[in-house]
Amino acid sequence: MKSMILKLIAVTVFGCGFCVGSLHAATLPTQGAGSAVVVVDRSATFDTLTVNHVVDLGHYSEGGLFITTGATSWADDANTAAKLDPFHGSSPPDHGFFCVSWENLEWTSVLTTDRAVIHGVEFMYGNGWTTGDIYGQYPWGNHDAVLEWETWRDGTNVSSGAVGPAPMLEMGTIVGFYDPSGFDELLMRATIARSGNTNLNALALDNLNVMLTNIPPAPVIYGEDFAVNPANGIPSLTVWDTIAGCQYRLVYSQSLDVPLWTPVDPAGWTPGGGQISLTDPTAIGQARRYYRVEVR
């Protein structure tokens, strides 16, 4: 048998707009730009929420989105606002972002102004919890905070969860949520265990992107998980973090100059939801093949 040259070069995404029966696929929390939002349909930059502009965040709206929570914006605390850096330097230089002043017992809500179904949300995460020294290197923005979240649709809870403090959620991380079936409201709060009231929310966010069209993000694939079985010569690919409600298949081409790709199994799609393995038994004896994963 000739040795075979294997290359994984791309992920192709089709519309993923189906659901079996009345089941609702769970909302998937993600990290990293593009991990939840493939197409930006609406966005909010919060550029007007600066140290010189106090805003009631209970009625805040931007870019066809309502982003609301209790209390006023962080500029209202004149004594410490100039020192507030909830993203540890990761926020753009405009120094405009969404964060509250004073105590806040309300969750932060994200929904569209027309209650459209949301399939993906991404934003830069931070929080306004003190590090203990407001004049230190990182005044505010504490790694000990936990990001709690819930997604809702038509008044019914879809999914919920929490991130941090172990593994720690770094300030400035791009946090995302993707749901193939969609939700109409995202609720979040950044809480900290050693607060006098553990229900207080000090979430900070910037550069919020929302996807209304249902396009699943590319699955997470690592090169070391693409290998040939030494016993039978069959190549296999491990795909991590696939999405429940979507389907995946492996396609190949003998050359990058050929526009058409051939499914390894023309009739077969593998349902997502966690880790999956894709193999190509037809590759035995072939000198070279290029692969990609398609998602629908």
Protein backbone atom coordinates (compact mmCIF):
# COMPACT_ATOMS: atom_id res chain seq x y z
CA MET A 1 0.00 0.00 0.00
CA LYS A 2 1.25 3.47 -0.85
CA SER A 3 1.65 5.91 1.97
CA MET A 4 -1.20 8.35 1.89
CA ILE A 5 -0.99 12.13 2.24
CA LEU A 6 -3.90 13.39 4.34
CA LYS A 7 -4.90 17.03 4.71
CA LEU A 8 -7.78 18.57 6.60
CA ILE A 9 -8.30 21.95 5.02
CA ALA A 10 -11.72 23.37 5.73
CA VAL A 11 -15.11 23.23 7.37
CA THR A 12 -18.15 23.88 5.21
CA VAL A 13 -21.35 25.01 6.94
CA PHE A 14 -24.86 24.63 5.58
CA GLY A 15 -28.05 26.03 7.13
CA CYS A 16 -28.91 24.16 10.31
CA GLY A 17 -32.54 24.99 10.75
CA PHE A 18 -34.17 21.75 11.75
CA CYS A 19 -35.34 20.23 14.97
CA VAL A 20 -36.77 16.75 15.59
CA GLY A 21 -40.31 16.86 16.94
CA SER A 22 -40.66 19.37 19.77
CA LEU A 23 -37.22 18.75 21.22
CA HIS A 24 -35.08 21.81 21.80
CA ALA A 25 -31.33 21.42 21.44
CA ALA A 26 -29.42 22.81 24.37
CA THR A 27 -27.72 26.18 24.23
CA LEU A 28 -23.97 25.72 23.82
CA PRO A 29 -21.67 28.17 25.69
CA THR A 30 -18.47 28.89 23.76
CA GLN A 31 -15.29 30.93 23.96
CA GLY A 32 -13.42 32.72 21.17
CA ALA A 33 -14.39 35.02 18.32
CA GLY A 34 -16.52 33.18 15.75
CA SER A 35 -17.24 30.30 18.12
CA ALA A 36 -20.96 31.16 18.30
CA VAL A 37 -21.62 33.96 15.80
CA VAL A 38 -20.81 33.29 12.14
CA VAL A 39 -22.85 36.17 10.68
CA VAL A 40 -23.42 39.40 12.62
CA ASP A 41 -27.05 40.49 12.16
CA ARG A 42 -27.17 43.01 15.02
CA SER A 43 -24.56 44.53 17.28
CA ALA A 44 -23.94 46.99 20.09
CA THR A 45 -20.59 48.67 20.73
CA PHE A 46 -21.59 50.68 23.84
CA ASP A 47 -19.30 53.49 22.66
CA THR A 48 -21.52 56.15 24.27
CA LEU A 49 -21.35 54.54 27.72
CA THR A 50 -18.23 56.40 28.78
CA VAL A 51 -16.87 57.91 31.97
CA ASN A 52 -18.58 61.20 31.07
CA HIS A 53 -22.03 59.83 30.22
CA VAL A 54 -24.39 58.50 32.91
CA VAL A 55 -27.17 56.28 31.47
CA ASP A 56 -30.10 54.41 33.01
CA LEU A 57 -29.30 50.82 32.01
CA GLY A 58 -32.81 49.64 32.80
CA HIS A 59 -33.93 50.94 29.39
CA TYR A 60 -30.77 50.77 27.29
CA SER A 61 -31.20 50.01 23.56
CA GLU A 62 -28.72 49.95 20.67
CA GLY A 63 -28.58 48.38 17.22
CA GLY A 64 -32.00 46.73 17.37
CA LEU A 65 -31.20 45.20 20.75
CA PHE A 66 -32.32 45.75 24.31
CA ILE A 67 -29.42 45.29 26.75
CA THR A 68 -30.75 46.07 30.21
CA THR A 69 -30.06 45.63 33.90
CA GLY A 70 -30.66 47.53 37.13
CA ALA A 71 -28.87 50.71 38.25
CA THR A 72 -27.08 53.34 36.21
CA SER A 73 -23.95 53.03 34.08
CA TRP A 74 -20.50 53.00 35.65
CA ALA A 75 -19.91 56.72 35.05
CA ASP A 76 -22.28 57.45 37.93
CA ASP A 77 -19.54 56.51 40.43
CA ALA A 78 -17.37 59.57 39.82
CA ASN A 79 -14.80 58.63 42.48
CA THR A 80 -13.74 55.37 40.85
CA ALA A 81 -15.04 55.47 37.26
CA ALA A 82 -11.76 56.77 35.81
CA LYS A 83 -9.95 53.78 37.31
CA LEU A 84 -12.43 51.15 36.12
CA ASP A 85 -10.86 48.56 33.79
CA PRO A 86 -13.12 45.48 33.88
CA PHE A 87 -11.43 43.84 30.86
CA HIS A 88 -7.81 44.21 32.03
CA GLY A 89 -6.79 46.23 29.03
CA SER A 90 -8.57 44.09 26.42
CA SER A 91 -11.31 46.61 25.64
CA PRO A 92 -10.85 48.93 22.64
CA PRO A 93 -9.41 52.40 23.33
CA ASP A 94 -12.82 54.13 23.16
CA HIS A 95 -13.28 53.14 26.82
CA GLY A 96 -17.01 52.74 26.34
CA PHE A 97 -18.64 49.57 27.66
CA PHE A 98 -21.68 48.19 29.50
CA CYS A 99 -21.24 48.01 33.28
CA VAL A 100 -23.19 49.27 36.29
CA SER A 101 -22.41 51.57 39.19
CA TRP A 102 -23.38 50.72 42.73
CA GLU A 103 -25.28 47.63 43.82
CA ASN A 104 -27.32 45.71 41.26
CA LEU A 105 -29.61 42.76 42.00
CA GLU A 106 -30.93 42.36 38.45
CA TRP A 107 -29.65 40.00 35.77
CA THR A 108 -28.36 41.51 32.52
CA SER A 109 -30.87 40.80 29.73
CA VAL A 110 -30.13 40.63 25.99
CA LEU A 111 -33.02 40.44 23.52
CA THR A 112 -33.99 41.99 20.21
CA THR A 113 -36.32 44.97 20.07
CA ASP A 114 -38.76 42.93 17.93
CA ARG A 115 -38.40 39.70 19.96
CA ALA A 116 -36.78 37.91 17.02
CA VAL A 117 -35.32 34.47 17.66
CA ILE A 118 -31.59 34.58 18.42
CA HIS A 119 -29.26 31.75 17.39
CA GLY A 120 -25.92 33.17 18.49
CA VAL A 121 -24.48 35.80 20.84
CA GLU A 122 -20.87 36.86 21.41
CA PHE A 123 -19.34 39.60 23.57
CA MET A 124 -16.20 40.56 25.46
CA TYR A 125 -16.54 39.46 29.08
CA GLY A 126 -15.47 41.42 32.12
CA ASN A 127 -16.86 42.37 35.52
CA GLY A 128 -16.86 45.28 37.90
CA TRP A 129 -15.91 43.35 41.02
CA THR A 130 -12.98 44.86 42.88
CA THR A 131 -9.63 43.09 43.02
CA GLY A 132 -9.09 44.49 46.50
CA ASP A 133 -6.95 47.41 45.40
CA ILE A 134 -8.80 49.81 43.10
CA TYR A 135 -5.57 51.66 42.36
CA GLY A 136 -3.55 48.53 41.55
CA GLN A 137 -2.51 47.12 38.16
CA TYR A 138 -6.03 45.86 37.48
CA PRO A 139 -8.48 48.04 39.38
CA TRP A 140 -11.69 46.00 39.34
CA GLY A 141 -12.37 42.99 37.13
CA ASN A 142 -11.95 40.00 39.46
CA HIS A 143 -11.12 36.47 38.23
CA ASP A 144 -13.04 34.99 41.18
CA ALA A 145 -16.38 36.00 39.65
CA VAL A 146 -18.73 33.40 38.12
CA LEU A 147 -20.70 34.08 34.94
CA GLU A 148 -24.17 32.59 35.39
CA TRP A 149 -26.48 32.41 32.34
CA GLU A 150 -29.92 31.34 31.22
CA THR A 151 -31.62 31.24 27.79
CA TRP A 152 -35.38 31.60 27.40
CA ARG A 153 -37.93 31.25 24.60
CA ASP A 154 -41.60 32.16 24.79
CA GLY A 155 -41.37 32.41 28.58
CA THR A 156 -39.83 28.93 28.96
CA ASN A 157 -36.31 28.27 30.17
CA VAL A 158 -34.22 26.61 27.45
CA SER A 159 -30.83 26.11 29.10
CA SER A 160 -28.74 27.41 31.97
CA GLY A 161 -25.21 27.12 33.30
CA ALA A 162 -22.22 28.88 34.80
CA VAL A 163 -18.56 29.51 33.91
CA GLY A 164 -15.79 30.05 36.48
CA PRO A 165 -14.10 30.57 38.81
CA ALA A 166 -12.31 27.26 38.15
CA PRO A 167 -11.37 27.02 35.37
CA MET A 168 -10.93 30.75 35.62
CA LEU A 169 -12.68 32.95 33.07
CA GLU A 170 -10.13 35.57 32.04
CA MET A 171 -11.08 39.22 31.69
CA GLY A 172 -11.38 40.09 28.00
CA THR A 173 -12.43 36.59 26.91
CA ILE A 174 -14.89 36.48 24.02
CA VAL A 175 -17.82 34.53 25.45
CA GLY A 176 -20.52 33.12 23.19
CA PHE A 177 -23.79 31.19 23.19
CA TYR A 178 -25.09 29.20 20.20
CA ASP A 179 -28.44 27.44 19.94
CA PRO A 180 -29.63 25.71 16.71
CA SER A 181 -33.28 26.00 17.78
CA GLY A 182 -32.90 29.54 19.08
CA PHE A 183 -33.91 31.60 22.09
CA ASP A 184 -35.47 35.05 22.45
CA GLU A 185 -33.74 36.21 25.65
CA LEU A 186 -30.33 35.69 27.21
CA LEU A 187 -29.96 36.41 30.93
CA MET A 188 -26.52 36.72 32.54
CA ARG A 189 -24.95 37.89 35.77
CA ALA A 190 -21.42 38.01 37.17
CA THR A 191 -21.53 37.07 40.85
CA ILE A 192 -18.82 36.53 43.42
CA ALA A 193 -18.97 34.20 46.42
CA ARG A 194 -17.35 36.52 48.96
CA SER A 195 -19.77 39.38 48.33
CA GLY A 196 -22.07 40.36 51.17
CA ASN A 197 -24.93 39.46 48.84
CA THR A 198 -24.10 36.62 46.43
CA ASN A 199 -26.98 37.67 44.14
CA LEU A 200 -25.35 40.97 43.19
CA ASN A 201 -24.52 41.26 39.48
CA ALA A 202 -21.50 43.24 38.23
CA LEU A 203 -21.25 41.94 34.64
CA ALA A 204 -19.33 44.09 32.15
CA LEU A 205 -19.54 43.50 28.41
CA ASP A 206 -18.39 45.14 25.22
CA ASN A 207 -18.73 44.60 21.45
CA LEU A 208 -21.90 42.54 21.58
CA ASN A 209 -22.73 40.62 18.36
CA VAL A 210 -26.01 38.80 17.73
CA MET A 211 -26.82 36.26 15.00
CA LEU A 212 -30.45 35.80 13.96
CA THR A 213 -29.75 33.53 10.99
CA ASN A 214 -29.10 29.92 11.94
CA ILE A 215 -25.59 29.07 10.78
CA PRO A 216 -23.71 26.71 13.09
CA PRO A 217 -20.14 27.68 13.97
CA ALA A 218 -17.30 25.52 12.71
CA PRO A 219 -16.66 22.48 14.93
CA VAL A 220 -13.47 22.38 16.94
CA ILE A 221 -10.92 20.14 15.18
CA TYR A 222 -7.37 19.49 16.28
CA GLY A 223 -4.72 18.22 13.87
CA GLU A 224 -3.42 15.60 16.28
CA ASP A 225 -6.88 13.97 16.17
CA PHE A 226 -6.56 13.27 12.42
CA ALA A 227 -4.70 9.98 11.96
CA VAL A 228 -4.44 6.70 10.06
CA ASN A 229 -5.13 3.46 11.90
CA PRO A 230 -1.88 1.46 11.56
CA ALA A 231 -3.78 -1.85 11.69
CA ASN A 232 -6.05 -1.31 8.71
CA GLY A 233 -4.85 1.89 7.03
CA ILE A 234 -8.19 3.70 7.49
CA PRO A 235 -7.93 7.44 8.22
CA SER A 236 -10.12 8.89 10.96
CA LEU A 237 -10.91 12.36 12.22
CA THR A 238 -12.05 13.27 15.72
CA VAL A 239 -14.32 16.33 15.85
CA TRP A 240 -14.77 17.98 19.24
CA ASP A 241 -17.66 20.07 20.54
CA THR A 242 -20.20 19.26 17.84
CA ILE A 243 -23.63 20.76 18.25
CA ALA A 244 -26.78 18.80 19.10
CA GLY A 245 -29.39 19.37 16.39
CA CYS A 246 -26.83 19.60 13.56
CA GLN A 247 -25.33 16.85 11.38
CA TYR A 248 -21.78 16.31 10.15
CA ARG A 249 -20.10 14.40 7.33
CA LEU A 250 -16.62 13.92 5.89
CA VAL A 251 -15.96 14.79 2.23
CA TYR A 252 -12.79 14.48 0.17
CA SER A 253 -11.08 15.60 -3.02
CA GLN A 254 -8.07 14.23 -4.86
CA SER A 255 -6.92 17.74 -5.76
CA LEU A 256 -7.48 21.29 -4.56
CA ASP A 257 -7.96 22.34 -8.17
CA VAL A 258 -11.19 20.34 -8.43
CA PRO A 259 -14.25 22.33 -7.23
CA LEU A 260 -16.36 19.28 -6.34
CA TRP A 261 -15.94 17.34 -3.13
CA THR A 262 -17.16 13.75 -2.73
CA PRO A 263 -18.92 12.54 0.43
CA VAL A 264 -17.21 9.54 1.99
CA ASP A 265 -20.69 8.13 2.64
CA PRO A 266 -23.14 9.74 0.17
CA ALA A 267 -26.17 8.78 2.27
CA GLY A 268 -24.68 9.27 5.71
CA TRP A 269 -24.68 12.22 8.12
CA THR A 270 -23.55 11.85 11.73
CA PRO A 271 -25.70 13.62 14.35
CA GLY A 272 -23.85 16.14 16.50
CA GLY A 273 -23.72 16.48 20.25
CA GLY A 274 -20.30 16.14 21.85
CA GLN A 275 -17.33 14.35 20.30
CA ILE A 276 -17.73 12.33 17.09
CA SER A 277 -15.36 10.28 14.93
CA LEU A 278 -15.46 10.31 11.11
CA THR A 279 -13.62 7.64 9.08
CA ASP A 280 -12.89 6.99 5.39
CA PRO A 281 -12.62 3.26 4.59
CA THR A 282 -12.55 4.11 0.86
CA ALA A 283 -9.14 5.78 1.25
CA ILE A 284 -7.21 2.49 1.32
CA GLY A 285 -4.85 2.36 -1.63
CA GLN A 286 -5.22 6.04 -2.47
CA ALA A 287 -2.04 8.09 -2.76
CA ARG A 288 -3.53 11.41 -1.68
CA ARG A 289 -6.77 12.90 -0.40
CA TYR A 290 -7.79 16.27 0.99
CA TYR A 291 -10.60 16.36 3.51
CA ARG A 292 -13.07 18.77 4.98
CA VAL A 293 -16.05 18.53 7.31
CA GLU A 294 -19.50 19.67 6.23
CA VAL A 295 -22.18 20.68 8.70
CA ARG A 296 -25.91 21.13 8.17
